[in-house]
Amino acid sequence: MTVSIVVEYCEPCGFKSHYEELASAVLEEFPEVSIDSRPGGTGAFEIEINGKLVFSKLELGGFPYEKDLMQAIRKAMDGEPVEKITNSRAPCVIL
């Protein structure tokens, strides 16, 4: 099954590097997946799989764990329903 991922992120927040890291990890494990990005609002790092929002930094306040996202992609590839990721890791805090 074709899987399409869209990551909407806040560029002024410096989240482009998070997107690039994530895209690289996803494509390494799932080279056949289509992954794209689009500009988002302040603080955004939203991930959609096949048009369904599966992760929202705006709701959870952090970034997704890679293993949770890989699990969601694997489910989508198997044609299973993808559930929303509810775990998040805190963004890096520099004091």
PDB file of N, CA and C in Angstrom:
ATOM      1  N   MET A   1       0.842  -1.192   0.000  1.00  0.00           N
ATOM      2  CA  MET A   1       0.000   0.000   0.000  1.00  0.00           C
ATOM      3  C   MET A   1       0.884   1.251   0.000  1.00  0.00           C
ATOM      4  N   THR A   2       0.516   2.229  -0.826  1.00  0.00           N
ATOM      5  CA  THR A   2       1.270   3.474  -0.893  1.00  0.00           C
ATOM      6  C   THR A   2       0.990   4.312   0.349  1.00  0.00           C
ATOM      7  N   VAL A   3       2.058   4.803   0.958  1.00  0.00           N
ATOM      8  CA  VAL A   3       1.906   5.628   2.146  1.00  0.00           C
ATOM      9  C   VAL A   3       2.482   7.007   1.863  1.00  0.00           C
ATOM     10  N   SER A   4       1.671   8.012   2.166  1.00  0.00           N
ATOM     11  CA  SER A   4       2.076   9.389   1.945  1.00  0.00           C
ATOM     12  C   SER A   4       2.088  10.117   3.283  1.00  0.00           C
ATOM     13  N   ILE A   5       3.223  10.747   3.582  1.00  0.00           N
ATOM     14  CA  ILE A   5       3.377  11.460   4.853  1.00  0.00           C
ATOM     15  C   ILE A   5       3.611  12.932   4.562  1.00  0.00           C
ATOM     16  N   VAL A   6       2.909  13.779   5.310  1.00  0.00           N
ATOM     17  CA  VAL A   6       3.126  15.224   5.201  1.00  0.00           C
ATOM     18  C   VAL A   6       3.439  15.738   6.606  1.00  0.00           C
ATOM     19  N   VAL A   7       4.536  16.471   6.711  1.00  0.00           N
ATOM     20  CA  VAL A   7       4.917  17.076   7.990  1.00  0.00           C
ATOM     21  C   VAL A   7       4.796  18.582   7.827  1.00  0.00           C
ATOM     22  N   GLU A   8       3.970  19.164   8.659  1.00  0.00           N
ATOM     23  CA  GLU A   8       3.793  20.621   8.651  1.00  0.00           C
ATOM     24  C   GLU A   8       4.592  21.145   9.843  1.00  0.00           C
ATOM     25  N   TYR A   9       5.546  22.040   9.566  1.00  0.00           N
ATOM     26  CA  TYR A   9       6.367  22.520  10.682  1.00  0.00           C
ATOM     27  C   TYR A   9       6.597  24.020  10.617  1.00  0.00           C
ATOM     28  N   CYS A  10       6.924  24.569  11.790  1.00  0.00           N
ATOM     29  CA  CYS A  10       7.200  25.998  11.934  1.00  0.00           C
ATOM     30  C   CYS A  10       8.666  26.239  11.606  1.00  0.00           C
ATOM     31  N   GLU A  11       8.923  26.870  10.454  1.00  0.00           N
ATOM     32  CA  GLU A  11      10.310  27.124  10.063  1.00  0.00           C
ATOM     33  C   GLU A  11      10.990  28.167  10.964  1.00  0.00           C
ATOM     34  N   PRO A  12      10.326  29.291  11.298  1.00  0.00           N
ATOM     35  CA  PRO A  12      10.973  30.269  12.185  1.00  0.00           C
ATOM     36  C   PRO A  12      11.343  29.674  13.550  1.00  0.00           C
ATOM     37  N   CYS A  13      10.661  28.577  13.953  1.00  0.00           N
ATOM     38  CA  CYS A  13      10.962  27.933  15.245  1.00  0.00           C
ATOM     39  C   CYS A  13      12.220  27.068  15.159  1.00  0.00           C
ATOM     40  N   GLY A  14      12.741  26.887  13.944  1.00  0.00           N
ATOM     41  CA  GLY A  14      13.929  26.053  13.774  1.00  0.00           C
ATOM     42  C   GLY A  14      13.621  24.566  13.695  1.00  0.00           C
ATOM     43  N   PHE A  15      12.378  24.204  13.306  1.00  0.00           N
ATOM     44  CA  PHE A  15      11.990  22.796  13.280  1.00  0.00           C
ATOM     45  C   PHE A  15      12.349  22.081  11.981  1.00  0.00           C
ATOM     46  N   LYS A  16      12.949  22.822  11.040  1.00  0.00           N
ATOM     47  CA  LYS A  16      13.317  22.189   9.769  1.00  0.00           C
ATOM     48  C   LYS A  16      14.293  21.038  10.002  1.00  0.00           C
ATOM     49  N   SER A  17      15.224  21.222  10.933  1.00  0.00           N
ATOM     50  CA  SER A  17      16.203  20.154  11.201  1.00  0.00           C
ATOM     51  C   SER A  17      15.507  18.912  11.770  1.00  0.00           C
ATOM     52  N   HIS A  18      14.455  19.104  12.579  1.00  0.00           N
ATOM     53  CA  HIS A  18      13.685  17.960  13.092  1.00  0.00           C
ATOM     54  C   HIS A  18      13.021  17.227  11.931  1.00  0.00           C
ATOM     55  N   TYR A  19      12.470  18.008  10.997  1.00  0.00           N
ATOM     56  CA  TYR A  19      11.826  17.398   9.829  1.00  0.00           C
ATOM     57  C   TYR A  19      12.846  16.616   9.003  1.00  0.00           C
ATOM     58  N   GLU A  20      14.003  17.225   8.732  1.00  0.00           N
ATOM     59  CA  GLU A  20      15.016  16.568   7.894  1.00  0.00           C
ATOM     60  C   GLU A  20      15.523  15.275   8.535  1.00  0.00           C
ATOM     61  N   GLU A  21      15.717  15.316   9.849  1.00  0.00           N
ATOM     62  CA  GLU A  21      16.160  14.129  10.593  1.00  0.00           C
ATOM     63  C   GLU A  21      15.105  13.025  10.494  1.00  0.00           C
ATOM     64  N   LEU A  22      13.851  13.423  10.695  1.00  0.00           N
ATOM     65  CA  LEU A  22      12.735  12.485  10.645  1.00  0.00           C
ATOM     66  C   LEU A  22      12.580  11.898   9.240  1.00  0.00           C
ATOM     67  N   ALA A  23      12.614  12.756   8.224  1.00  0.00           N
ATOM     68  CA  ALA A  23      12.455  12.307   6.839  1.00  0.00           C
ATOM     69  C   ALA A  23      13.554  11.310   6.474  1.00  0.00           C
ATOM     70  N   SER A  24      14.769  11.596   6.895  1.00  0.00           N
ATOM     71  CA  SER A  24      15.900  10.725   6.601  1.00  0.00           C
ATOM     72  C   SER A  24      15.712   9.353   7.261  1.00  0.00           C
ATOM     73  N   ALA A  25      15.283   9.340   8.535  1.00  0.00           N
ATOM     74  CA  ALA A  25      15.064   8.073   9.254  1.00  0.00           C
ATOM     75  C   ALA A  25      13.933   7.277   8.614  1.00  0.00           C
ATOM     76  N   VAL A  26      12.853   7.967   8.234  1.00  0.00           N
ATOM     77  CA  VAL A  26      11.700   7.295   7.620  1.00  0.00           C
ATOM     78  C   VAL A  26      12.105   6.674   6.287  1.00  0.00           C
ATOM     79  N   LEU A  27      12.798   7.445   5.445  1.00  0.00           N
ATOM     80  CA  LEU A  27      13.173   6.948   4.118  1.00  0.00           C
ATOM     81  C   LEU A  27      14.213   5.837   4.191  1.00  0.00           C
ATOM     82  N   GLU A  28      15.010   5.844   5.240  1.00  0.00           N
ATOM     83  CA  GLU A  28      15.994   4.774   5.423  1.00  0.00           C
ATOM     84  C   GLU A  28      15.268   3.451   5.693  1.00  0.00           C
ATOM     85  N   GLU A  29      14.231   3.510   6.513  1.00  0.00           N
ATOM     86  CA  GLU A  29      13.483   2.295   6.862  1.00  0.00           C
ATOM     87  C   GLU A  29      12.413   1.950   5.828  1.00  0.00           C
ATOM     88  N   PHE A  30      11.797   2.978   5.230  1.00  0.00           N
ATOM     89  CA  PHE A  30      10.713   2.775   4.260  1.00  0.00           C
ATOM     90  C   PHE A  30      10.992   3.590   2.996  1.00  0.00           C
ATOM     91  N   PRO A  31      11.920   3.116   2.141  1.00  0.00           N
ATOM     92  CA  PRO A  31      12.299   3.913   0.959  1.00  0.00           C
ATOM     93  C   PRO A  31      11.151   4.185  -0.011  1.00  0.00           C
ATOM     94  N   GLU A  32      10.087   3.366   0.056  1.00  0.00           N
ATOM     95  CA  GLU A  32       8.966   3.528  -0.887  1.00  0.00           C
ATOM     96  C   GLU A  32       7.936   4.554  -0.426  1.00  0.00           C
ATOM     97  N   VAL A  33       8.111   5.095   0.775  1.00  0.00           N
ATOM     98  CA  VAL A  33       7.160   6.059   1.329  1.00  0.00           C
ATOM     99  C   VAL A  33       7.397   7.442   0.722  1.00  0.00           C
ATOM    100  N   SER A  34       6.314   8.176   0.518  1.00  0.00           N
ATOM    101  CA  SER A  34       6.430   9.557   0.046  1.00  0.00           C
ATOM    102  C   SER A  34       6.345  10.460   1.272  1.00  0.00           C
ATOM    103  N   ILE A  35       7.358  11.314   1.472  1.00  0.00           N
ATOM    104  CA  ILE A  35       7.336  12.222   2.621  1.00  0.00           C
ATOM    105  C   ILE A  35       7.588  13.641   2.140  1.00  0.00           C
ATOM    106  N   ASP A  36       6.731  14.531   2.572  1.00  0.00           N
ATOM    107  CA  ASP A  36       6.776  15.919   2.126  1.00  0.00           C
ATOM    108  C   ASP A  36       6.616  16.850   3.310  1.00  0.00           C
ATOM    109  N   SER A  37       6.938  18.120   3.096  1.00  0.00           N
ATOM    110  CA  SER A  37       6.739  19.086   4.180  1.00  0.00           C
ATOM    111  C   SER A  37       5.998  20.294   3.648  1.00  0.00           C
ATOM    112  N   ARG A  38       5.411  21.032   4.570  1.00  0.00           N
ATOM    113  CA  ARG A  38       4.787  22.306   4.202  1.00  0.00           C
ATOM    114  C   ARG A  38       4.929  23.232   5.410  1.00  0.00           C
ATOM    115  N   PRO A  39       4.955  24.530   5.151  1.00  0.00           N
ATOM    116  CA  PRO A  39       5.097  25.468   6.268  1.00  0.00           C
ATOM    117  C   PRO A  39       3.872  25.436   7.178  1.00  0.00           C
ATOM    118  N   GLY A  40       4.124  25.553   8.481  1.00  0.00           N
ATOM    119  CA  GLY A  40       3.037  25.527   9.454  1.00  0.00           C
ATOM    120  C   GLY A  40       3.082  26.766  10.325  1.00  0.00           C
ATOM    121  N   GLY A  41       2.117  26.868  11.199  1.00  0.00           N
ATOM    122  CA  GLY A  41       2.031  28.007  12.106  1.00  0.00           C
ATOM    123  C   GLY A  41       3.065  27.923  13.222  1.00  0.00           C
ATOM    124  N   THR A  42       3.091  28.927  14.058  1.00  0.00           N
ATOM    125  CA  THR A  42       4.031  29.007  15.159  1.00  0.00           C
ATOM    126  C   THR A  42       3.925  27.792  16.068  1.00  0.00           C
ATOM    127  N   GLY A  43       5.064  27.135  16.281  1.00  0.00           N
ATOM    128  CA  GLY A  43       5.113  25.989  17.182  1.00  0.00           C
ATOM    129  C   GLY A  43       4.648  24.677  16.569  1.00  0.00           C
ATOM    130  N   ALA A  44       4.258  24.691  15.299  1.00  0.00           N
ATOM    131  CA  ALA A  44       3.690  23.489  14.669  1.00  0.00           C
ATOM    132  C   ALA A  44       4.749  22.450  14.321  1.00  0.00           C
ATOM    133  N   PHE A  45       4.398  21.201  14.523  1.00  0.00           N
ATOM    134  CA  PHE A  45       5.118  20.044  14.000  1.00  0.00           C
ATOM    135  C   PHE A  45       4.067  18.950  13.941  1.00  0.00           C
ATOM    136  N   GLU A  46       3.272  18.990  12.865  1.00  0.00           N
ATOM    137  CA  GLU A  46       2.103  18.130  12.712  1.00  0.00           C
ATOM    138  C   GLU A  46       2.425  17.081  11.646  1.00  0.00           C
ATOM    139  N   ILE A  47       2.075  15.834  11.918  1.00  0.00           N
ATOM    140  CA  ILE A  47       2.381  14.764  10.974  1.00  0.00           C
ATOM    141  C   ILE A  47       1.093  14.085  10.535  1.00  0.00           C
ATOM    142  N   GLU A  48       0.915  14.012   9.211  1.00  0.00           N
ATOM    143  CA  GLU A  48      -0.235  13.315   8.630  1.00  0.00           C
ATOM    144  C   GLU A  48       0.261  12.093   7.872  1.00  0.00           C
ATOM    145  N   ILE A  49      -0.464  11.000   8.025  1.00  0.00           N
ATOM    146  CA  ILE A  49      -0.193   9.805   7.223  1.00  0.00           C
ATOM    147  C   ILE A  49      -1.456   9.554   6.405  1.00  0.00           C
ATOM    148  N   ASN A  50      -1.298   9.557   5.083  1.00  0.00           N
ATOM    149  CA  ASN A  50      -2.428   9.381   4.160  1.00  0.00           C
ATOM    150  C   ASN A  50      -3.577  10.328   4.495  1.00  0.00           C
ATOM    151  N   GLY A  51      -3.236  11.583   4.822  1.00  0.00           N
ATOM    152  CA  GLY A  51      -4.248  12.610   5.055  1.00  0.00           C
ATOM    153  C   GLY A  51      -4.826  12.629   6.462  1.00  0.00           C
ATOM    154  N   LYS A  52      -4.412  11.688   7.327  1.00  0.00           N
ATOM    155  CA  LYS A  52      -4.943  11.639   8.694  1.00  0.00           C
ATOM    156  C   LYS A  52      -3.886  12.167   9.671  1.00  0.00           C
ATOM    157  N   LEU A  53      -4.288  13.130  10.492  1.00  0.00           N
ATOM    158  CA  LEU A  53      -3.366  13.684  11.480  1.00  0.00           C
ATOM    159  C   LEU A  53      -3.054  12.603  12.516  1.00  0.00           C
ATOM    160  N   VAL A  54      -1.759  12.236  12.614  1.00  0.00           N
ATOM    161  CA  VAL A  54      -1.381  11.194  13.578  1.00  0.00           C
ATOM    162  C   VAL A  54      -0.531  11.736  14.716  1.00  0.00           C
ATOM    163  N   PHE A  55       0.023  12.937  14.521  1.00  0.00           N
ATOM    164  CA  PHE A  55       0.811  13.534  15.603  1.00  0.00           C
ATOM    165  C   PHE A  55       0.675  15.051  15.542  1.00  0.00           C
ATOM    166  N   SER A  56       0.499  15.668  16.723  1.00  0.00           N
ATOM    167  CA  SER A  56       0.387  17.120  16.780  1.00  0.00           C
ATOM    168  C   SER A  56       1.217  17.663  17.940  1.00  0.00           C
ATOM    169  N   LYS A  57       2.270  18.395  17.594  1.00  0.00           N
ATOM    170  CA  LYS A  57       3.076  19.051  18.626  1.00  0.00           C
ATOM    171  C   LYS A  57       2.253  20.142  19.308  1.00  0.00           C
ATOM    172  N   LEU A  58       1.340  20.748  18.568  1.00  0.00           N
ATOM    173  CA  LEU A  58       0.497  21.795  19.148  1.00  0.00           C
ATOM    174  C   LEU A  58      -0.364  21.228  20.276  1.00  0.00           C
ATOM    175  N   GLU A  59      -0.783  19.956  20.131  1.00  0.00           N
ATOM    176  CA  GLU A  59      -1.589  19.324  21.179  1.00  0.00           C
ATOM    177  C   GLU A  59      -0.735  18.771  22.316  1.00  0.00           C
ATOM    178  N   LEU A  60       0.406  18.161  21.951  1.00  0.00           N
ATOM    179  CA  LEU A  60       1.196  17.428  22.940  1.00  0.00           C
ATOM    180  C   LEU A  60       2.379  18.206  23.508  1.00  0.00           C
ATOM    181  N   GLY A  61       2.842  19.229  22.787  1.00  0.00           N
ATOM    182  CA  GLY A  61       3.923  20.063  23.306  1.00  0.00           C
ATOM    183  C   GLY A  61       5.324  19.543  23.061  1.00  0.00           C
ATOM    184  N   GLY A  62       5.464  18.356  22.477  1.00  0.00           N
ATOM    185  CA  GLY A  62       6.802  17.812  22.229  1.00  0.00           C
ATOM    186  C   GLY A  62       6.898  17.264  20.818  1.00  0.00           C
ATOM    187  N   PHE A  63       7.932  16.475  20.583  1.00  0.00           N
ATOM    188  CA  PHE A  63       8.141  15.844  19.277  1.00  0.00           C
ATOM    189  C   PHE A  63       7.850  14.359  19.398  1.00  0.00           C
ATOM    190  N   PRO A  64       7.545  13.700  18.266  1.00  0.00           N
ATOM    191  CA  PRO A  64       7.219  12.270  18.341  1.00  0.00           C
ATOM    192  C   PRO A  64       8.472  11.428  18.586  1.00  0.00           C
ATOM    193  N   TYR A  65       8.271  10.290  19.233  1.00  0.00           N
ATOM    194  CA  TYR A  65       9.345   9.304  19.328  1.00  0.00           C
ATOM    195  C   TYR A  65       9.413   8.607  17.981  1.00  0.00           C
ATOM    196  N   GLU A  66      10.630   8.390  17.502  1.00  0.00           N
ATOM    197  CA  GLU A  66      10.810   7.773  16.191  1.00  0.00           C
ATOM    198  C   GLU A  66      10.124   6.406  16.122  1.00  0.00           C
ATOM    199  N   LYS A  67      10.252   5.605  17.180  1.00  0.00           N
ATOM    200  CA  LYS A  67       9.674   4.250  17.161  1.00  0.00           C
ATOM    201  C   LYS A  67       8.150   4.294  17.004  1.00  0.00           C
ATOM    202  N   ASP A  68       7.497   5.301  17.624  1.00  0.00           N
ATOM    203  CA  ASP A  68       6.041   5.421  17.503  1.00  0.00           C
ATOM    204  C   ASP A  68       5.642   5.746  16.068  1.00  0.00           C
ATOM    205  N   LEU A  69       6.404   6.642  15.445  1.00  0.00           N
ATOM    206  CA  LEU A  69       6.091   7.017  14.066  1.00  0.00           C
ATOM    207  C   LEU A  69       6.330   5.839  13.117  1.00  0.00           C
ATOM    208  N   MET A  70       7.432   5.116  13.320  1.00  0.00           N
ATOM    209  CA  MET A  70       7.737   3.958  12.460  1.00  0.00           C
ATOM    210  C   MET A  70       6.632   2.902  12.581  1.00  0.00           C
ATOM    211  N   GLN A  71       6.132   2.721  13.797  1.00  0.00           N
ATOM    212  CA  GLN A  71       5.049   1.769  14.036  1.00  0.00           C
ATOM    213  C   GLN A  71       3.784   2.211  13.279  1.00  0.00           C
ATOM    214  N   ALA A  72       3.481   3.504  13.310  1.00  0.00           N
ATOM    215  CA  ALA A  72       2.307   4.034  12.609  1.00  0.00           C
ATOM    216  C   ALA A  72       2.452   3.850  11.099  1.00  0.00           C
ATOM    217  N   ILE A  73       3.652   4.092  10.578  1.00  0.00           N
ATOM    218  CA  ILE A  73       3.898   3.927   9.134  1.00  0.00           C
ATOM    219  C   ILE A  73       3.738   2.461   8.751  1.00  0.00           C
ATOM    220  N   ARG A  74       4.297   1.577   9.577  1.00  0.00           N
ATOM    221  CA  ARG A  74       4.193   0.131   9.301  1.00  0.00           C
ATOM    222  C   ARG A  74       2.722  -0.283   9.246  1.00  0.00           C
ATOM    223  N   LYS A  75       1.913   0.212  10.186  1.00  0.00           N
ATOM    224  CA  LYS A  75       0.476  -0.107  10.195  1.00  0.00           C
ATOM    225  C   LYS A  75      -0.182   0.381   8.903  1.00  0.00           C
ATOM    226  N   ALA A  76       0.129   1.620   8.515  1.00  0.00           N
ATOM    227  CA  ALA A  76      -0.458   2.181   7.294  1.00  0.00           C
ATOM    228  C   ALA A  76      -0.066   1.344   6.077  1.00  0.00           C
ATOM    229  N   MET A  77       1.181   0.883   6.048  1.00  0.00           N
ATOM    230  CA  MET A  77       1.644   0.071   4.913  1.00  0.00           C
ATOM    231  C   MET A  77       0.929  -1.278   4.874  1.00  0.00           C
ATOM    232  N   ASP A  78       0.564  -1.787   6.054  1.00  0.00           N
ATOM    233  CA  ASP A  78      -0.159  -3.062   6.129  1.00  0.00           C
ATOM    234  C   ASP A  78      -1.652  -2.888   5.900  1.00  0.00           C
ATOM    235  N   GLY A  79      -2.073  -1.636   5.666  1.00  0.00           N
ATOM    236  CA  GLY A  79      -3.479  -1.377   5.411  1.00  0.00           C
ATOM    237  C   GLY A  79      -4.327  -1.313   6.684  1.00  0.00           C
ATOM    238  N   GLU A  80      -3.660  -1.265   7.845  1.00  0.00           N
ATOM    239  CA  GLU A  80      -4.386  -1.184   9.122  1.00  0.00           C
ATOM    240  C   GLU A  80      -4.700   0.273   9.440  1.00  0.00           C
ATOM    241  N   PRO A  81      -5.731   0.508  10.264  1.00  0.00           N
ATOM    242  CA  PRO A  81      -6.018   1.887  10.663  1.00  0.00           C
ATOM    243  C   PRO A  81      -4.879   2.435  11.532  1.00  0.00           C
ATOM    244  N   VAL A  82      -4.540   3.677  11.305  1.00  0.00           N
ATOM    245  CA  VAL A  82      -3.450   4.308  12.051  1.00  0.00           C
ATOM    246  C   VAL A  82      -4.043   5.110  13.196  1.00  0.00           C
ATOM    247  N   GLU A  83      -3.567   4.818  14.402  1.00  0.00           N
ATOM    248  CA  GLU A  83      -4.053   5.567  15.559  1.00  0.00           C
ATOM    249  C   GLU A  83      -3.173   6.778  15.813  1.00  0.00           C
ATOM    250  N   LYS A  84      -3.744   7.738  16.490  1.00  0.00           N
ATOM    251  CA  LYS A  84      -3.015   8.949  16.827  1.00  0.00           C
ATOM    252  C   LYS A  84      -1.913   8.632  17.837  1.00  0.00           C
ATOM    253  N   ILE A  85      -0.752   9.205  17.622  1.00  0.00           N
ATOM    254  CA  ILE A  85       0.369   9.039  18.549  1.00  0.00           C
ATOM    255  C   ILE A  85       0.132   9.984  19.722  1.00  0.00           C
ATOM    256  N   THR A  86       0.159   9.434  20.932  1.00  0.00           N
ATOM    257  CA  THR A  86      -0.135  10.269  22.101  1.00  0.00           C
ATOM    258  C   THR A  86       1.093  10.511  22.974  1.00  0.00           C
ATOM    259  N   ASN A  87       2.201   9.832  22.680  1.00  0.00           N
ATOM    260  CA  ASN A  87       3.443  10.070  23.424  1.00  0.00           C
ATOM    261  C   ASN A  87       4.243  11.150  22.724  1.00  0.00           C
ATOM    262  N   SER A  88       4.958  11.942  23.502  1.00  0.00           N
ATOM    263  CA  SER A  88       5.872  12.897  22.880  1.00  0.00           C
ATOM    264  C   SER A  88       7.036  13.128  23.818  1.00  0.00           C
ATOM    265  N   ARG A  89       8.176  13.453  23.207  1.00  0.00           N
ATOM    266  CA  ARG A  89       9.348  13.773  24.022  1.00  0.00           C
ATOM    267  C   ARG A  89       9.452  15.283  24.075  1.00  0.00           C
ATOM    268  N   ALA A  90       9.892  15.772  25.197  1.00  0.00           N
ATOM    269  CA  ALA A  90       9.983  17.216  25.390  1.00  0.00           C
ATOM    270  C   ALA A  90      10.980  17.804  24.397  1.00  0.00           C
ATOM    271  N   PRO A  91      10.691  18.989  23.896  1.00  0.00           N
ATOM    272  CA  PRO A  91      11.669  19.638  23.032  1.00  0.00           C
ATOM    273  C   PRO A  91      12.930  19.957  23.831  1.00  0.00           C
ATOM    274  N   CYS A  92      14.041  20.025  23.151  1.00  0.00           N
ATOM    275  CA  CYS A  92      15.304  20.359  23.828  1.00  0.00           C
ATOM    276  C   CYS A  92      15.183  21.740  24.477  1.00  0.00           C
ATOM    277  N   VAL A  93      15.635  21.822  25.679  1.00  0.00           N
ATOM    278  CA  VAL A  93      15.585  23.105  26.377  1.00  0.00           C
ATOM    279  C   VAL A  93      17.018  23.539  26.661  1.00  0.00           C
ATOM    280  N   ILE A  94      17.362  24.704  26.169  1.00  0.00           N
ATOM    281  CA  ILE A  94      18.700  25.235  26.427  1.00  0.00           C
ATOM    282  C   ILE A  94      18.554  26.372  27.418  1.00  0.00           C
ATOM    283  N   LEU A  95      19.216  26.236  28.551  1.00  0.00           N
ATOM    284  CA  LEU A  95      19.103  27.252  29.594  1.00  0.00           C
ATOM    285  C   LEU A  95      20.203  28.285  29.457  1.00  0.00           C
TER     286      LEU A  95
END
